[in-house]
Amino acid sequence: MAVEPVRLHHEVVGFAVNRLQYVLLAEAWRLVGDNVLSPEDVDKVMRAGLGPRYAIYGPLQTVHLNANGIRDYFVRYGDGIRKVMADMGPIPTFKEDAVIQKLES
């Protein structure tokens, strides 16, 4: 995979790629920990769903193509996105042994 440089407009904690990755990992952790999905199904969702789209277009261009532009997408789906995000719960500690055991199995 080629690495492409990006310009941060101001300093933040962590690399941009990690900040985006950690959001996905936190939700994967919650979905497995709450017995919503198996670890295999989390990977399947990414491999067969988001992964290919994001690899080709990225999240913002994908959103743009799913509606009549980014504004239309967020006007249409913003309330639903907020409802899902409000249900996600607190940031995991990533130390719960029961979840780690599920992920390792």
PDB file of N, CA and C in Angstrom:
ATOM      1  N   MET A   1       0.831  -1.186   0.000  1.00  0.00           N
ATOM      2  CA  MET A   1       0.000   0.000   0.000  1.00  0.00           C
ATOM      3  C   MET A   1       0.872   1.245   0.000  1.00  0.00           C
ATOM      4  N   ALA A   2       0.525   2.167  -0.821  1.00  0.00           N
ATOM      5  CA  ALA A   2       1.260   3.430  -0.880  1.00  0.00           C
ATOM      6  C   ALA A   2       0.778   4.359   0.235  1.00  0.00           C
ATOM      7  N   VAL A   3       1.702   5.048   0.816  1.00  0.00           N
ATOM      8  CA  VAL A   3       1.376   6.049   1.827  1.00  0.00           C
ATOM      9  C   VAL A   3       1.390   7.403   1.140  1.00  0.00           C
ATOM     10  N   GLU A   4       0.326   8.165   1.355  1.00  0.00           N
ATOM     11  CA  GLU A   4       0.245   9.500   0.760  1.00  0.00           C
ATOM     12  C   GLU A   4       0.262  10.531   1.872  1.00  0.00           C
ATOM     13  N   PRO A   5       1.047  11.574   1.720  1.00  0.00           N
ATOM     14  CA  PRO A   5       1.099  12.597   2.769  1.00  0.00           C
ATOM     15  C   PRO A   5      -0.185  13.424   2.810  1.00  0.00           C
ATOM     16  N   VAL A   6      -0.542  13.848   4.003  1.00  0.00           N
ATOM     17  CA  VAL A   6      -1.654  14.784   4.197  1.00  0.00           C
ATOM     18  C   VAL A   6      -1.144  15.922   5.068  1.00  0.00           C
ATOM     19  N   ARG A   7      -1.811  17.044   5.002  1.00  0.00           N
ATOM     20  CA  ARG A   7      -1.402  18.210   5.782  1.00  0.00           C
ATOM     21  C   ARG A   7      -2.398  18.435   6.916  1.00  0.00           C
ATOM     22  N   LEU A   8      -1.894  18.391   8.141  1.00  0.00           N
ATOM     23  CA  LEU A   8      -2.721  18.738   9.289  1.00  0.00           C
ATOM     24  C   LEU A   8      -2.728  20.259   9.411  1.00  0.00           C
ATOM     25  N   HIS A   9      -3.902  20.826   9.574  1.00  0.00           N
ATOM     26  CA  HIS A   9      -4.010  22.279   9.680  1.00  0.00           C
ATOM     27  C   HIS A   9      -3.675  22.778  11.078  1.00  0.00           C
ATOM     28  N   HIS A  10      -3.734  21.886  12.053  1.00  0.00           N
ATOM     29  CA  HIS A  10      -3.236  22.177  13.398  1.00  0.00           C
ATOM     30  C   HIS A  10      -2.990  20.853  14.106  1.00  0.00           C
ATOM     31  N   GLU A  11      -2.216  20.906  15.163  1.00  0.00           N
ATOM     32  CA  GLU A  11      -1.821  19.703  15.879  1.00  0.00           C
ATOM     33  C   GLU A  11      -2.987  19.076  16.619  1.00  0.00           C
ATOM     34  N   VAL A  12      -3.026  17.751  16.582  1.00  0.00           N
ATOM     35  CA  VAL A  12      -3.963  16.958  17.370  1.00  0.00           C
ATOM     36  C   VAL A  12      -3.187  15.769  17.922  1.00  0.00           C
ATOM     37  N   VAL A  13      -3.743  15.128  18.919  1.00  0.00           N
ATOM     38  CA  VAL A  13      -3.114  13.935  19.484  1.00  0.00           C
ATOM     39  C   VAL A  13      -3.295  12.780  18.502  1.00  0.00           C
ATOM     40  N   GLY A  14      -2.223  12.117  18.159  1.00  0.00           N
ATOM     41  CA  GLY A  14      -2.286  10.944  17.288  1.00  0.00           C
ATOM     42  C   GLY A  14      -2.200  11.285  15.814  1.00  0.00           C
ATOM     43  N   PHE A  15      -1.859  10.267  15.039  1.00  0.00           N
ATOM     44  CA  PHE A  15      -1.822  10.410  13.582  1.00  0.00           C
ATOM     45  C   PHE A  15      -3.246  10.375  13.037  1.00  0.00           C
ATOM     46  N   ALA A  16      -3.479  11.039  11.915  1.00  0.00           N
ATOM     47  CA  ALA A  16      -4.812  11.079  11.308  1.00  0.00           C
ATOM     48  C   ALA A  16      -5.338   9.669  11.042  1.00  0.00           C
ATOM     49  N   VAL A  17      -4.498   8.804  10.494  1.00  0.00           N
ATOM     50  CA  VAL A  17      -4.939   7.438  10.188  1.00  0.00           C
ATOM     51  C   VAL A  17      -5.356   6.706  11.460  1.00  0.00           C
ATOM     52  N   ASN A  18      -4.623   6.904  12.552  1.00  0.00           N
ATOM     53  CA  ASN A  18      -4.976   6.248  13.808  1.00  0.00           C
ATOM     54  C   ASN A  18      -6.267   6.798  14.387  1.00  0.00           C
ATOM     55  N   ARG A  19      -6.484   8.088  14.274  1.00  0.00           N
ATOM     56  CA  ARG A  19      -7.706   8.687  14.806  1.00  0.00           C
ATOM     57  C   ARG A  19      -8.937   8.086  14.128  1.00  0.00           C
ATOM     58  N   LEU A  20      -8.863   7.896  12.817  1.00  0.00           N
ATOM     59  CA  LEU A  20      -9.976   7.276  12.097  1.00  0.00           C
ATOM     60  C   LEU A  20     -10.076   5.784  12.433  1.00  0.00           C
ATOM     61  N   GLN A  21      -8.939   5.123  12.497  1.00  0.00           N
ATOM     62  CA  GLN A  21      -8.920   3.692  12.818  1.00  0.00           C
ATOM     63  C   GLN A  21      -9.484   3.431  14.213  1.00  0.00           C
ATOM     64  N   TYR A  22      -9.151   4.261  15.170  1.00  0.00           N
ATOM     65  CA  TYR A  22      -9.572   4.025  16.547  1.00  0.00           C
ATOM     66  C   TYR A  22     -11.083   4.150  16.716  1.00  0.00           C
ATOM     67  N   VAL A  23     -11.718   5.007  15.930  1.00  0.00           N
ATOM     68  CA  VAL A  23     -13.181   5.098  15.977  1.00  0.00           C
ATOM     69  C   VAL A  23     -13.788   3.753  15.575  1.00  0.00           C
ATOM     70  N   LEU A  24     -13.272   3.170  14.496  1.00  0.00           N
ATOM     71  CA  LEU A  24     -13.763   1.863  14.049  1.00  0.00           C
ATOM     72  C   LEU A  24     -13.458   0.773  15.072  1.00  0.00           C
ATOM     73  N   LEU A  25     -12.251   0.785  15.631  1.00  0.00           N
ATOM     74  CA  LEU A  25     -11.891  -0.229  16.620  1.00  0.00           C
ATOM     75  C   LEU A  25     -12.757  -0.131  17.873  1.00  0.00           C
ATOM     76  N   ALA A  26     -13.071   1.079  18.304  1.00  0.00           N
ATOM     77  CA  ALA A  26     -13.914   1.246  19.491  1.00  0.00           C
ATOM     78  C   ALA A  26     -15.294   0.650  19.253  1.00  0.00           C
ATOM     79  N   GLU A  27     -15.872   0.893  18.095  1.00  0.00           N
ATOM     80  CA  GLU A  27     -17.198   0.340  17.820  1.00  0.00           C
ATOM     81  C   GLU A  27     -17.133  -1.164  17.603  1.00  0.00           C
ATOM     82  N   ALA A  28     -16.080  -1.660  16.966  1.00  0.00           N
ATOM     83  CA  ALA A  28     -15.911  -3.111  16.823  1.00  0.00           C
ATOM     84  C   ALA A  28     -15.837  -3.757  18.209  1.00  0.00           C
ATOM     85  N   TRP A  29     -15.085  -3.137  19.106  1.00  0.00           N
ATOM     86  CA  TRP A  29     -14.958  -3.623  20.484  1.00  0.00           C
ATOM     87  C   TRP A  29     -16.332  -3.702  21.146  1.00  0.00           C
ATOM     88  N   ARG A  30     -17.116  -2.628  21.014  1.00  0.00           N
ATOM     89  CA  ARG A  30     -18.443  -2.601  21.632  1.00  0.00           C
ATOM     90  C   ARG A  30     -19.359  -3.655  21.021  1.00  0.00           C
ATOM     91  N   LEU A  31     -19.353  -3.778  19.697  1.00  0.00           N
ATOM     92  CA  LEU A  31     -20.238  -4.743  19.037  1.00  0.00           C
ATOM     93  C   LEU A  31     -19.914  -6.173  19.447  1.00  0.00           C
ATOM     94  N   VAL A  32     -18.642  -6.489  19.570  1.00  0.00           N
ATOM     95  CA  VAL A  32     -18.244  -7.830  20.022  1.00  0.00           C
ATOM     96  C   VAL A  32     -18.534  -7.982  21.516  1.00  0.00           C
ATOM     97  N   GLY A  33     -18.162  -6.987  22.302  1.00  0.00           N
ATOM     98  CA  GLY A  33     -18.369  -7.047  23.748  1.00  0.00           C
ATOM     99  C   GLY A  33     -19.829  -7.141  24.143  1.00  0.00           C
ATOM    100  N   ASP A  34     -20.711  -6.513  23.362  1.00  0.00           N
ATOM    101  CA  ASP A  34     -22.150  -6.547  23.640  1.00  0.00           C
ATOM    102  C   ASP A  34     -22.846  -7.714  22.951  1.00  0.00           C
ATOM    103  N   ASN A  35     -22.073  -8.625  22.373  1.00  0.00           N
ATOM    104  CA  ASN A  35     -22.611  -9.801  21.677  1.00  0.00           C
ATOM    105  C   ASN A  35     -23.546  -9.447  20.530  1.00  0.00           C
ATOM    106  N   VAL A  36     -23.282  -8.343  19.878  1.00  0.00           N
ATOM    107  CA  VAL A  36     -24.054  -7.957  18.695  1.00  0.00           C
ATOM    108  C   VAL A  36     -23.495  -8.675  17.469  1.00  0.00           C
ATOM    109  N   LEU A  37     -22.179  -8.711  17.351  1.00  0.00           N
ATOM    110  CA  LEU A  37     -21.503  -9.376  16.238  1.00  0.00           C
ATOM    111  C   LEU A  37     -20.348 -10.218  16.767  1.00  0.00           C
ATOM    112  N   SER A  38     -20.015 -11.252  16.022  1.00  0.00           N
ATOM    113  CA  SER A  38     -18.801 -12.015  16.317  1.00  0.00           C
ATOM    114  C   SER A  38     -17.615 -11.253  15.736  1.00  0.00           C
ATOM    115  N   PRO A  39     -16.407 -11.533  16.214  1.00  0.00           N
ATOM    116  CA  PRO A  39     -15.236 -10.900  15.600  1.00  0.00           C
ATOM    117  C   PRO A  39     -15.158 -11.160  14.092  1.00  0.00           C
ATOM    118  N   GLU A  40     -15.529 -12.369  13.684  1.00  0.00           N
ATOM    119  CA  GLU A  40     -15.499 -12.703  12.256  1.00  0.00           C
ATOM    120  C   GLU A  40     -16.474 -11.840  11.460  1.00  0.00           C
ATOM    121  N   ASP A  41     -17.652 -11.598  12.034  1.00  0.00           N
ATOM    122  CA  ASP A  41     -18.633 -10.779  11.328  1.00  0.00           C
ATOM    123  C   ASP A  41     -18.241  -9.303  11.288  1.00  0.00           C
ATOM    124  N   VAL A  42     -17.552  -8.827  12.321  1.00  0.00           N
ATOM    125  CA  VAL A  42     -17.027  -7.453  12.264  1.00  0.00           C
ATOM    126  C   VAL A  42     -16.078  -7.331  11.076  1.00  0.00           C
ATOM    127  N   ASP A  43     -15.166  -8.290  10.951  1.00  0.00           N
ATOM    128  CA  ASP A  43     -14.232  -8.262   9.820  1.00  0.00           C
ATOM    129  C   ASP A  43     -14.966  -8.391   8.491  1.00  0.00           C
ATOM    130  N   LYS A  44     -16.009  -9.217   8.454  1.00  0.00           N
ATOM    131  CA  LYS A  44     -16.779  -9.395   7.219  1.00  0.00           C
ATOM    132  C   LYS A  44     -17.466  -8.087   6.807  1.00  0.00           C
ATOM    133  N   VAL A  45     -18.026  -7.374   7.786  1.00  0.00           N
ATOM    134  CA  VAL A  45     -18.676  -6.086   7.494  1.00  0.00           C
ATOM    135  C   VAL A  45     -17.676  -5.124   6.849  1.00  0.00           C
ATOM    136  N   MET A  46     -16.471  -5.099   7.390  1.00  0.00           N
ATOM    137  CA  MET A  46     -15.454  -4.204   6.823  1.00  0.00           C
ATOM    138  C   MET A  46     -14.967  -4.697   5.463  1.00  0.00           C
ATOM    139  N   ARG A  47     -14.686  -5.988   5.375  1.00  0.00           N
ATOM    140  CA  ARG A  47     -14.120  -6.561   4.153  1.00  0.00           C
ATOM    141  C   ARG A  47     -15.101  -6.481   2.981  1.00  0.00           C
ATOM    142  N   ALA A  48     -16.380  -6.758   3.244  1.00  0.00           N
ATOM    143  CA  ALA A  48     -17.365  -6.827   2.167  1.00  0.00           C
ATOM    144  C   ALA A  48     -18.228  -5.573   2.059  1.00  0.00           C
ATOM    145  N   GLY A  49     -18.120  -4.668   3.023  1.00  0.00           N
ATOM    146  CA  GLY A  49     -18.972  -3.484   3.016  1.00  0.00           C
ATOM    147  C   GLY A  49     -18.182  -2.194   2.932  1.00  0.00           C
ATOM    148  N   LEU A  50     -17.781  -1.700   4.089  1.00  0.00           N
ATOM    149  CA  LEU A  50     -17.092  -0.409   4.134  1.00  0.00           C
ATOM    150  C   LEU A  50     -15.717  -0.429   3.489  1.00  0.00           C
ATOM    151  N   GLY A  51     -14.964  -1.487   3.710  1.00  0.00           N
ATOM    152  CA  GLY A  51     -13.576  -1.542   3.250  1.00  0.00           C
ATOM    153  C   GLY A  51     -13.381  -1.204   1.784  1.00  0.00           C
ATOM    154  N   PRO A  52     -14.037  -1.931   0.870  1.00  0.00           N
ATOM    155  CA  PRO A  52     -13.847  -1.632  -0.554  1.00  0.00           C
ATOM    156  C   PRO A  52     -14.268  -0.212  -0.927  1.00  0.00           C
ATOM    157  N   ARG A  53     -15.399   0.230  -0.376  1.00  0.00           N
ATOM    158  CA  ARG A  53     -15.858   1.595  -0.682  1.00  0.00           C
ATOM    159  C   ARG A  53     -14.854   2.627  -0.199  1.00  0.00           C
ATOM    160  N   TYR A  54     -14.421   2.464   1.048  1.00  0.00           N
ATOM    161  CA  TYR A  54     -13.501   3.442   1.614  1.00  0.00           C
ATOM    162  C   TYR A  54     -12.134   3.386   0.959  1.00  0.00           C
ATOM    163  N   ALA A  55     -11.714   2.208   0.516  1.00  0.00           N
ATOM    164  CA  ALA A  55     -10.418   2.087  -0.155  1.00  0.00           C
ATOM    165  C   ALA A  55     -10.422   2.819  -1.492  1.00  0.00           C
ATOM    166  N   ILE A  56     -11.552   2.825  -2.164  1.00  0.00           N
ATOM    167  CA  ILE A  56     -11.643   3.471  -3.477  1.00  0.00           C
ATOM    168  C   ILE A  56     -11.962   4.954  -3.342  1.00  0.00           C
ATOM    169  N   TYR A  57     -12.954   5.276  -2.519  1.00  0.00           N
ATOM    170  CA  TYR A  57     -13.451   6.652  -2.472  1.00  0.00           C
ATOM    171  C   TYR A  57     -13.143   7.406  -1.184  1.00  0.00           C
ATOM    172  N   GLY A  58     -12.970   6.707  -0.078  1.00  0.00           N
ATOM    173  CA  GLY A  58     -12.857   7.379   1.211  1.00  0.00           C
ATOM    174  C   GLY A  58     -14.242   7.668   1.767  1.00  0.00           C
ATOM    175  N   PRO A  59     -14.350   7.956   3.060  1.00  0.00           N
ATOM    176  CA  PRO A  59     -15.666   8.130   3.667  1.00  0.00           C
ATOM    177  C   PRO A  59     -16.434   9.350   3.165  1.00  0.00           C
ATOM    178  N   LEU A  60     -15.763  10.440   2.910  1.00  0.00           N
ATOM    179  CA  LEU A  60     -16.488  11.653   2.511  1.00  0.00           C
ATOM    180  C   LEU A  60     -16.963  11.591   1.066  1.00  0.00           C
ATOM    181  N   GLN A  61     -16.139  11.057   0.186  1.00  0.00           N
ATOM    182  CA  GLN A  61     -16.581  10.915  -1.200  1.00  0.00           C
ATOM    183  C   GLN A  61     -17.685   9.858  -1.304  1.00  0.00           C
ATOM    184  N   THR A  62     -17.625   8.818  -0.476  1.00  0.00           N
ATOM    185  CA  THR A  62     -18.693   7.818  -0.444  1.00  0.00           C
ATOM    186  C   THR A  62     -20.009   8.467  -0.049  1.00  0.00           C
ATOM    187  N   VAL A  63     -19.975   9.297   0.983  1.00  0.00           N
ATOM    188  CA  VAL A  63     -21.171  10.024   1.421  1.00  0.00           C
ATOM    189  C   VAL A  63     -21.689  10.906   0.288  1.00  0.00           C
ATOM    190  N   HIS A  64     -20.803  11.621  -0.360  1.00  0.00           N
ATOM    191  CA  HIS A  64     -21.180  12.497  -1.473  1.00  0.00           C
ATOM    192  C   HIS A  64     -21.905  11.713  -2.566  1.00  0.00           C
ATOM    193  N   LEU A  65     -21.417  10.515  -2.874  1.00  0.00           N
ATOM    194  CA  LEU A  65     -21.999   9.707  -3.945  1.00  0.00           C
ATOM    195  C   LEU A  65     -23.280   8.994  -3.529  1.00  0.00           C
ATOM    196  N   ASN A  66     -23.541   8.888  -2.224  1.00  0.00           N
ATOM    197  CA  ASN A  66     -24.746   8.208  -1.741  1.00  0.00           C
ATOM    198  C   ASN A  66     -25.973   9.111  -1.727  1.00  0.00           C
ATOM    199  N   ALA A  67     -25.832  10.356  -2.062  1.00  0.00           N
ATOM    200  CA  ALA A  67     -26.947  11.305  -2.054  1.00  0.00           C
ATOM    201  C   ALA A  67     -26.647  12.362  -3.112  1.00  0.00           C
ATOM    202  N   ASN A  68     -27.360  13.436  -3.057  1.00  0.00           N
ATOM    203  CA  ASN A  68     -27.096  14.554  -3.970  1.00  0.00           C
ATOM    204  C   ASN A  68     -26.048  15.472  -3.362  1.00  0.00           C
ATOM    205  N   GLY A  69     -24.934  14.902  -2.969  1.00  0.00           N
ATOM    206  CA  GLY A  69     -23.855  15.671  -2.365  1.00  0.00           C
ATOM    207  C   GLY A  69     -23.814  15.500  -0.860  1.00  0.00           C
ATOM    208  N   ILE A  70     -22.763  16.031  -0.274  1.00  0.00           N
ATOM    209  CA  ILE A  70     -22.538  15.887   1.167  1.00  0.00           C
ATOM    210  C   ILE A  70     -23.630  16.581   1.972  1.00  0.00           C
ATOM    211  N   ARG A  71     -24.001  17.794   1.575  1.00  0.00           N
ATOM    212  CA  ARG A  71     -25.041  18.526   2.318  1.00  0.00           C
ATOM    213  C   ARG A  71     -26.339  17.722   2.352  1.00  0.00           C
ATOM    214  N   ASP A  72     -26.759  17.218   1.195  1.00  0.00           N
ATOM    215  CA  ASP A  72     -27.994  16.439   1.116  1.00  0.00           C
ATOM    216  C   ASP A  72     -27.911  15.197   1.998  1.00  0.00           C
ATOM    217  N   TYR A  73     -26.772  14.531   1.981  1.00  0.00           N
ATOM    218  CA  TYR A  73     -26.599  13.326   2.792  1.00  0.00           C
ATOM    219  C   TYR A  73     -26.818  13.632   4.269  1.00  0.00           C
ATOM    220  N   PHE A  74     -26.143  14.668   4.769  1.00  0.00           N
ATOM    221  CA  PHE A  74     -26.249  14.963   6.194  1.00  0.00           C
ATOM    222  C   PHE A  74     -27.601  15.558   6.565  1.00  0.00           C
ATOM    223  N   VAL A  75     -28.239  16.286   5.657  1.00  0.00           N
ATOM    224  CA  VAL A  75     -29.601  16.767   5.920  1.00  0.00           C
ATOM    225  C   VAL A  75     -30.549  15.573   6.022  1.00  0.00           C
ATOM    226  N   ARG A  76     -30.410  14.623   5.105  1.00  0.00           N
ATOM    227  CA  ARG A  76     -31.280  13.442   5.099  1.00  0.00           C
ATOM    228  C   ARG A  76     -31.013  12.504   6.271  1.00  0.00           C
ATOM    229  N   TYR A  77     -29.753  12.229   6.526  1.00  0.00           N
ATOM    230  CA  TYR A  77     -29.391  11.141   7.431  1.00  0.00           C
ATOM    231  C   TYR A  77     -28.758  11.588   8.747  1.00  0.00           C
ATOM    232  N   GLY A  78     -28.557  12.878   8.923  1.00  0.00           N
ATOM    233  CA  GLY A  78     -27.888  13.372  10.127  1.00  0.00           C
ATOM    234  C   GLY A  78     -28.572  12.961  11.417  1.00  0.00           C
ATOM    235  N   ASP A  79     -29.903  13.052  11.471  1.00  0.00           N
ATOM    236  CA  ASP A  79     -30.619  12.663  12.690  1.00  0.00           C
ATOM    237  C   ASP A  79     -30.430  11.179  12.985  1.00  0.00           C
ATOM    238  N   GLY A  80     -30.472  10.352  11.954  1.00  0.00           N
ATOM    239  CA  GLY A  80     -30.258   8.915  12.137  1.00  0.00           C
ATOM    240  C   GLY A  80     -28.842   8.609  12.588  1.00  0.00           C
ATOM    241  N   ILE A  81     -27.879   9.317  12.031  1.00  0.00           N
ATOM    242  CA  ILE A  81     -26.482   9.136  12.435  1.00  0.00           C
ATOM    243  C   ILE A  81     -26.325   9.487  13.908  1.00  0.00           C
ATOM    244  N   ARG A  82     -26.917  10.601  14.318  1.00  0.00           N
ATOM    245  CA  ARG A  82     -26.822  11.022  15.724  1.00  0.00           C
ATOM    246  C   ARG A  82     -27.479   9.998  16.648  1.00  0.00           C
ATOM    247  N   LYS A  83     -28.610   9.417  16.218  1.00  0.00           N
ATOM    248  CA  LYS A  83     -29.295   8.409  17.031  1.00  0.00           C
ATOM    249  C   LYS A  83     -28.398   7.186  17.230  1.00  0.00           C
ATOM    250  N   VAL A  84     -27.775   6.725  16.167  1.00  0.00           N
ATOM    251  CA  VAL A  84     -26.868   5.574  16.268  1.00  0.00           C
ATOM    252  C   VAL A  84     -25.676   5.923  17.149  1.00  0.00           C
ATOM    253  N   MET A  85     -25.087   7.096  16.936  1.00  0.00           N
ATOM    254  CA  MET A  85     -23.907   7.482  17.716  1.00  0.00           C
ATOM    255  C   MET A  85     -24.238   7.645  19.197  1.00  0.00           C
ATOM    256  N   ALA A  86     -25.432   8.146  19.517  1.00  0.00           N
ATOM    257  CA  ALA A  86     -25.837   8.295  20.916  1.00  0.00           C
ATOM    258  C   ALA A  86     -25.970   6.938  21.596  1.00  0.00           C
ATOM    259  N   ASP A  87     -26.239   5.895  20.812  1.00  0.00           N
ATOM    260  CA  ASP A  87     -26.389   4.547  21.347  1.00  0.00           C
ATOM    261  C   ASP A  87     -25.049   3.837  21.533  1.00  0.00           C
ATOM    262  N   MET A  88     -23.975   4.410  21.030  1.00  0.00           N
ATOM    263  CA  MET A  88     -22.681   3.730  21.044  1.00  0.00           C
ATOM    264  C   MET A  88     -22.059   3.631  22.430  1.00  0.00           C
ATOM    265  N   GLY A  89     -22.413   4.497  23.319  1.00  0.00           N
ATOM    266  CA  GLY A  89     -21.898   4.389  24.678  1.00  0.00           C
ATOM    267  C   GLY A  89     -20.541   5.030  24.854  1.00  0.00           C
ATOM    268  N   PRO A  90     -19.976   4.840  26.050  1.00  0.00           N
ATOM    269  CA  PRO A  90     -18.702   5.483  26.379  1.00  0.00           C
ATOM    270  C   PRO A  90     -17.524   4.853  25.637  1.00  0.00           C
ATOM    271  N   ILE A  91     -16.419   5.531  25.675  1.00  0.00           N
ATOM    272  CA  ILE A  91     -15.188   5.023  25.061  1.00  0.00           C
ATOM    273  C   ILE A  91     -14.746   3.786  25.840  1.00  0.00           C
ATOM    274  N   PRO A  92     -14.504   2.673  25.150  1.00  0.00           N
ATOM    275  CA  PRO A  92     -14.045   1.476  25.858  1.00  0.00           C
ATOM    276  C   PRO A  92     -12.674   1.692  26.500  1.00  0.00           C
ATOM    277  N   THR A  93     -12.409   0.920  27.549  1.00  0.00           N
ATOM    278  CA  THR A  93     -11.082   0.966  28.168  1.00  0.00           C
ATOM    279  C   THR A  93     -10.104   0.060  27.429  1.00  0.00           C
ATOM    280  N   PHE A  94     -10.628  -0.862  26.637  1.00  0.00           N
ATOM    281  CA  PHE A  94      -9.831  -1.852  25.897  1.00  0.00           C
ATOM    282  C   PHE A  94      -9.063  -2.763  26.849  1.00  0.00           C
ATOM    283  N   LYS A  95      -9.588  -2.946  28.055  1.00  0.00           N
ATOM    284  CA  LYS A  95      -8.939  -3.805  29.049  1.00  0.00           C
ATOM    285  C   LYS A  95      -9.857  -4.922  29.540  1.00  0.00           C
ATOM    286  N   GLU A  96     -11.105  -4.968  29.066  1.00  0.00           N
ATOM    287  CA  GLU A  96     -12.048  -5.985  29.532  1.00  0.00           C
ATOM    288  C   GLU A  96     -11.619  -7.352  29.002  1.00  0.00           C
ATOM    289  N   ASP A  97     -11.206  -8.219  29.922  1.00  0.00           N
ATOM    290  CA  ASP A  97     -10.671  -9.524  29.540  1.00  0.00           C
ATOM    291  C   ASP A  97     -11.688 -10.360  28.767  1.00  0.00           C
ATOM    292  N   ALA A  98     -12.968 -10.251  29.114  1.00  0.00           N
ATOM    293  CA  ALA A  98     -13.988 -11.039  28.417  1.00  0.00           C
ATOM    294  C   ALA A  98     -14.039 -10.684  26.933  1.00  0.00           C
ATOM    295  N   VAL A  99     -13.908  -9.416  26.621  1.00  0.00           N
ATOM    296  CA  VAL A  99     -13.913  -8.994  25.214  1.00  0.00           C
ATOM    297  C   VAL A  99     -12.622  -9.437  24.534  1.00  0.00           C
ATOM    298  N   ILE A 100     -11.509  -9.286  25.207  1.00  0.00           N
ATOM    299  CA  ILE A 100     -10.228  -9.715  24.631  1.00  0.00           C
ATOM    300  C   ILE A 100     -10.270 -11.204  24.303  1.00  0.00           C
ATOM    301  N   GLN A 101     -10.851 -12.010  25.197  1.00  0.00           N
ATOM    302  CA  GLN A 101     -10.957 -13.449  24.940  1.00  0.00           C
ATOM    303  C   GLN A 101     -11.798 -13.726  23.697  1.00  0.00           C
ATOM    304  N   LYS A 102     -12.899 -12.999  23.526  1.00  0.00           N
ATOM    305  CA  LYS A 102     -13.726 -13.173  22.321  1.00  0.00           C
ATOM    306  C   LYS A 102     -12.938 -12.811  21.072  1.00  0.00           C
ATOM    307  N   LEU A 103     -12.185 -11.734  21.147  1.00  0.00           N
ATOM    308  CA  LEU A 103     -11.417 -11.284  19.987  1.00  0.00           C
ATOM    309  C   LEU A 103     -10.288 -12.252  19.644  1.00  0.00           C
ATOM    310  N   GLU A 104      -9.733 -12.896  20.655  1.00  0.00           N
ATOM    311  CA  GLU A 104      -8.629 -13.836  20.429  1.00  0.00           C
ATOM    312  C   GLU A 104      -9.096 -15.198  19.930  1.00  0.00           C
ATOM    313  N   SER A 105     -10.371 -15.522  20.160  1.00  0.00           N
ATOM    314  CA  SER A 105     -10.845 -16.867  19.797  1.00  0.00           C
ATOM    315  C   SER A 105     -11.055 -17.050  18.309  1.00  0.00           C
TER     316      SER A 105
END
